[in-house]
Amino acid sequence: MTNSFPQRLVLLAGVALVSAVAAMAIVEQRSSDPGAATLTSAPAPAGWNTAFAGSRGPSGDAQRTTCGQVLAPESLGATHPVLPCGAKVVLRYGATQVLTEVIDNALVEPGRQLEVTEALAGMLGLDGTVELEWRFAAESGG
């Protein structure tokens, strides 16, 4: 009975060592993938999502978003009240598709589900509030 504690201690140390080695092997295997990941449009379960969207208007001097970004006239990004900051999304309006990210969670205009910066609205050709399509971007090896 006196040597059961040291035996348990040695057994526990052995299990911890094996677990640490296994964890390092898994991390090494994942980080050694030679293909660089790129972002592409991920198919939504029912295709593209639709949203009423428009420009959030010109950005003010050093205007900060709820995601902590400072907006400038050339800023490209989307505002969505639910999606997390930094979420990568593909927006489609007509024949134009643009990869962007969520940079704010506070909509400026009521009645919209999504807003884009003025520069991004220009790239998409948005005029006023329109219905556009969006989906999450996904990584693809390439």
Protein backbone atom coordinates (compact mmCIF):
# COMPACT_ATOMS: atom_id res chain seq x y z
CA MET A 1 0.00 0.00 0.00
CA THR A 2 2.85 2.43 0.62
CA ASN A 3 4.09 2.45 -2.96
CA SER A 4 0.66 2.93 -4.66
CA PHE A 5 0.93 6.75 -4.58
CA PRO A 6 4.31 6.84 -6.39
CA GLN A 7 3.01 4.30 -8.92
CA ARG A 8 -0.06 6.44 -9.61
CA LEU A 9 2.13 9.51 -9.95
CA VAL A 10 4.40 7.80 -12.49
CA LEU A 11 1.38 6.46 -14.41
CA LEU A 12 -0.22 9.92 -14.49
CA ALA A 13 3.02 11.50 -15.72
CA GLY A 14 3.25 8.87 -18.47
CA VAL A 15 -0.31 9.56 -19.64
CA ALA A 16 0.39 13.31 -19.68
CA LEU A 17 3.55 12.77 -21.72
CA VAL A 18 1.79 10.57 -24.29
CA SER A 19 -1.05 13.12 -24.59
CA ALA A 20 1.39 15.99 -25.11
CA VAL A 21 3.29 14.09 -27.83
CA ALA A 22 0.02 13.20 -29.60
CA ALA A 23 -1.17 16.83 -29.48
CA MET A 24 2.12 18.10 -30.92
CA ALA A 25 1.95 15.53 -33.72
CA ILE A 26 -1.57 16.63 -34.67
CA VAL A 27 -0.62 20.32 -34.67
CA GLU A 28 2.51 19.63 -36.73
CA GLN A 29 0.53 17.63 -39.28
CA ARG A 30 -2.02 20.45 -39.71
CA SER A 31 0.59 23.18 -40.01
CA SER A 32 2.70 21.36 -42.60
CA ASP A 33 -0.01 21.47 -45.30
CA PRO A 34 1.85 22.71 -48.41
CA GLY A 35 -1.22 24.21 -50.12
CA ALA A 36 -1.91 27.78 -49.12
CA ALA A 37 -5.54 28.37 -48.26
CA THR A 38 -7.45 30.91 -50.30
CA LEU A 39 -10.98 32.20 -49.82
CA THR A 40 -13.74 31.32 -52.21
CA SER A 41 -17.51 31.49 -52.15
CA ALA A 42 -19.04 28.73 -50.01
CA PRO A 43 -22.32 27.29 -51.24
CA ALA A 44 -25.15 28.15 -48.86
CA PRO A 45 -27.52 25.27 -48.06
CA ALA A 46 -30.24 26.93 -50.14
CA GLY A 47 -27.96 28.89 -52.49
CA TRP A 48 -27.36 32.59 -52.00
CA ASN A 49 -28.90 34.55 -49.13
CA THR A 50 -30.70 37.77 -50.05
CA ALA A 51 -30.68 41.04 -48.13
CA PHE A 52 -31.88 44.60 -48.55
CA ALA A 53 -28.66 46.57 -48.69
CA GLY A 54 -27.28 49.98 -49.46
CA SER A 55 -24.40 52.32 -48.82
CA ARG A 56 -23.86 53.47 -45.24
CA GLY A 57 -22.91 56.85 -46.70
CA PRO A 58 -19.68 58.79 -46.50
CA SER A 59 -17.48 57.98 -43.53
CA GLY A 60 -16.87 60.72 -41.00
CA ASP A 61 -13.49 61.93 -39.84
CA ALA A 62 -11.95 59.05 -37.86
CA GLN A 63 -15.31 57.29 -37.57
CA ARG A 64 -14.86 54.08 -35.55
CA THR A 65 -17.05 51.00 -36.09
CA THR A 66 -18.40 48.67 -33.42
CA CYS A 67 -15.71 46.23 -34.60
CA GLY A 68 -13.01 48.74 -33.68
CA GLN A 69 -12.01 49.74 -37.20
CA VAL A 70 -11.48 53.35 -38.23
CA LEU A 71 -13.28 54.12 -41.49
CA ALA A 72 -11.72 56.08 -44.32
CA PRO A 73 -13.23 57.02 -47.70
CA GLU A 74 -11.45 54.05 -49.32
CA SER A 75 -12.60 51.50 -46.68
CA LEU A 76 -14.20 48.35 -48.06
CA GLY A 77 -16.48 46.37 -45.77
CA ALA A 78 -19.99 45.39 -44.77
CA THR A 79 -22.22 46.11 -41.79
CA HIS A 80 -24.42 43.29 -40.52
CA PRO A 81 -26.22 43.32 -37.17
CA VAL A 82 -25.72 39.60 -36.44
CA LEU A 83 -22.64 38.32 -38.24
CA PRO A 84 -19.42 38.51 -36.20
CA CYS A 85 -16.77 41.11 -36.85
CA GLY A 86 -14.27 39.87 -39.42
CA ALA A 87 -16.64 37.31 -41.00
CA LYS A 88 -15.67 36.93 -44.67
CA VAL A 89 -18.60 37.21 -47.07
CA VAL A 90 -19.06 37.33 -50.83
CA LEU A 91 -21.56 39.93 -52.04
CA ARG A 92 -23.22 39.65 -55.46
CA TYR A 93 -25.19 42.35 -57.23
CA GLY A 94 -25.94 41.74 -60.88
CA ALA A 95 -22.83 40.26 -62.49
CA THR A 96 -20.44 41.70 -59.88
CA GLN A 97 -19.13 39.62 -56.98
CA VAL A 98 -16.90 41.06 -54.26
CA LEU A 99 -15.16 39.37 -51.34
CA THR A 100 -15.33 41.53 -48.21
CA GLU A 101 -15.64 41.25 -44.44
CA VAL A 102 -17.96 42.44 -41.69
CA ILE A 103 -16.50 45.64 -40.23
CA ASP A 104 -19.48 46.90 -38.21
CA ASN A 105 -22.61 45.62 -36.46
CA ALA A 106 -24.59 48.88 -36.20
CA LEU A 107 -26.76 49.64 -39.23
CA VAL A 108 -27.07 53.32 -40.18
CA GLU A 109 -30.35 53.25 -42.13
CA PRO A 110 -33.53 51.56 -40.83
CA GLY A 111 -35.11 48.89 -43.03
CA ARG A 112 -31.83 47.46 -44.26
CA GLN A 113 -30.39 44.07 -43.43
CA LEU A 114 -26.89 44.82 -44.67
CA GLU A 115 -24.91 47.95 -45.45
CA VAL A 116 -21.64 48.49 -47.29
CA THR A 117 -19.10 51.27 -47.24
CA GLU A 118 -19.46 53.96 -49.87
CA ALA A 119 -16.40 52.69 -51.77
CA LEU A 120 -17.78 49.13 -51.84
CA ALA A 121 -21.20 50.40 -52.94
CA GLY A 122 -19.44 52.05 -55.89
CA MET A 123 -17.67 48.81 -56.80
CA LEU A 124 -20.96 46.89 -56.71
CA GLY A 125 -22.92 49.61 -58.51
CA LEU A 126 -25.45 50.08 -55.69
CA ASP A 127 -27.79 53.06 -55.89
CA GLY A 128 -30.10 53.49 -52.90
CA THR A 129 -31.45 50.40 -51.14
CA VAL A 130 -31.39 47.30 -53.33
CA GLU A 131 -31.79 43.57 -52.92
CA LEU A 132 -28.44 41.84 -53.26
CA GLU A 133 -27.18 38.33 -52.62
CA TRP A 134 -24.52 37.22 -50.16
CA ARG A 135 -22.93 34.05 -48.84
CA PHE A 136 -20.10 33.15 -46.52
CA ALA A 137 -16.64 32.83 -48.02
CA ALA A 138 -14.87 29.51 -47.53
CA GLU A 139 -11.24 28.45 -47.63
CA SER A 140 -10.13 26.28 -50.51
CA GLY A 141 -6.71 24.81 -51.09
CA GLY A 142 -5.18 26.01 -54.25
